[in-house]
Protein backbone atom coordinates (compact mmCIF):
# COMPACT_ATOMS: atom_id res chain seq x y z
CA MET A 1 102.63 63.70 8.67
CA PRO A 2 100.37 60.66 9.29
CA ILE A 3 99.90 58.06 6.61
CA ILE A 4 96.67 58.56 4.68
CA PRO A 5 95.06 55.50 3.05
CA ASP A 6 95.60 55.35 -0.72
CA THR A 7 91.87 55.59 -1.41
CA ALA A 8 91.65 59.01 0.23
CA ASN A 9 95.14 60.22 -0.57
CA HIS A 10 94.30 61.91 -3.86
CA HIS A 11 91.11 63.54 -2.50
CA ILE A 12 92.27 64.83 0.89
CA ARG A 13 95.82 66.01 1.46
CA PRO A 14 96.81 68.24 4.37
CA ALA A 15 99.47 70.01 2.31
CA HIS A 16 97.08 70.79 -0.55
CA GLY A 17 93.81 71.08 1.34
CA LEU A 18 90.54 69.39 0.47
CA ARG A 19 89.75 68.29 -3.04
CA ALA A 20 86.07 67.59 -2.50
CA ARG A 21 84.71 69.94 -5.16
CA PHE A 22 83.92 67.13 -7.59
CA TRP A 23 81.83 65.37 -4.91
CA HIS A 24 79.44 68.35 -4.86
CA SER A 25 78.36 67.69 -8.44
CA THR A 26 77.55 63.98 -8.07
CA ALA A 27 74.02 62.58 -8.17
CA ILE A 28 74.48 60.67 -4.90
CA PRO A 29 72.86 62.74 -2.12
CA HIS A 30 74.87 61.13 0.70
CA LEU A 31 78.14 61.93 -1.05
CA VAL A 32 77.07 65.54 -1.58
CA SER A 33 76.17 65.78 2.12
CA PHE A 34 79.57 64.32 3.06
CA ALA A 35 81.35 66.79 0.77
CA ASN A 36 79.39 69.69 2.28
CA GLY A 37 80.45 68.56 5.76
CA LEU A 38 84.10 68.35 4.71
CA THR A 39 83.94 71.80 3.17
CA ARG A 40 82.18 73.28 6.21
CA ASP A 41 84.74 71.77 8.62
CA ARG A 42 87.74 72.20 6.32
CA ASP A 43 90.14 73.52 8.96
CA ALA A 44 89.26 70.77 11.43
CA VAL A 45 89.68 68.05 8.78
CA ILE A 46 93.08 69.34 7.67
CA THR A 47 94.24 69.68 11.28
CA GLY A 48 93.03 66.19 12.12
CA LEU A 49 94.88 64.68 9.19
CA SER A 50 98.10 66.59 9.66
CA LEU A 51 98.68 66.37 13.44
CA PRO A 52 100.20 63.26 15.04
CA TYR A 53 97.68 63.29 17.91
CA SER A 54 94.82 60.83 18.20
CA SER A 55 91.74 60.54 20.39
CA GLY A 56 91.69 56.76 19.96
CA ARG A 57 92.37 55.90 23.61
CA VAL A 58 89.64 58.21 24.86
CA GLU A 59 87.17 56.88 22.28
CA GLY A 60 88.04 53.32 23.34
CA ALA A 61 87.40 54.11 27.00
CA VAL A 62 84.07 55.78 26.17
CA ASN A 63 83.08 52.77 24.03
CA LYS A 64 83.90 50.41 26.94
CA ILE A 65 81.81 52.45 29.38
CA LYS A 66 78.86 52.56 26.98
CA MET A 67 79.07 48.79 26.45
CA LEU A 68 79.05 48.13 30.20
CA LYS A 69 76.16 50.55 30.66
CA ARG A 70 74.14 48.73 27.98
CA GLN A 71 74.90 45.34 29.54
CA MET A 72 73.75 46.49 32.98
CA PHE A 73 70.63 48.37 31.90
CA GLY A 74 67.81 47.57 34.34
CA ARG A 75 69.91 45.14 36.40
CA ALA A 76 71.67 47.15 39.07
CA ASN A 77 72.21 50.62 40.42
CA THR A 78 74.95 53.10 39.53
CA ASP A 79 77.23 51.94 42.37
CA LEU A 80 77.74 48.55 40.72
CA LEU A 81 78.17 50.17 37.31
CA ARG A 82 80.87 52.44 38.76
CA LYS A 83 82.69 49.44 40.27
CA ARG A 84 82.57 47.54 36.99
CA ILE A 85 83.92 50.53 35.07
CA LEU A 86 86.80 51.04 37.48
CA LEU A 87 87.69 47.34 37.82
CA LYS A 88 87.36 46.20 34.21
CA PRO A 89 90.75 46.18 32.45
């Protein structure tokens, strides 16, 4: 089981499920919205916290491509963008 940061450990535990019920009763609208999202996607959250897999490498590659795309906006065509994506380490 992956290590869960101490701040979230007593609120979200894969073995015990989500403990977000108390967030629903708070006066902070953003926290209520967050709790509703956790409750709605409960199975996905528990699976994401309990499996050893990560999408970090894919997210890093997507972030790199988006950064290059932003840097080249209005400067060159897609051929050069493709070369920069494939050649950049």
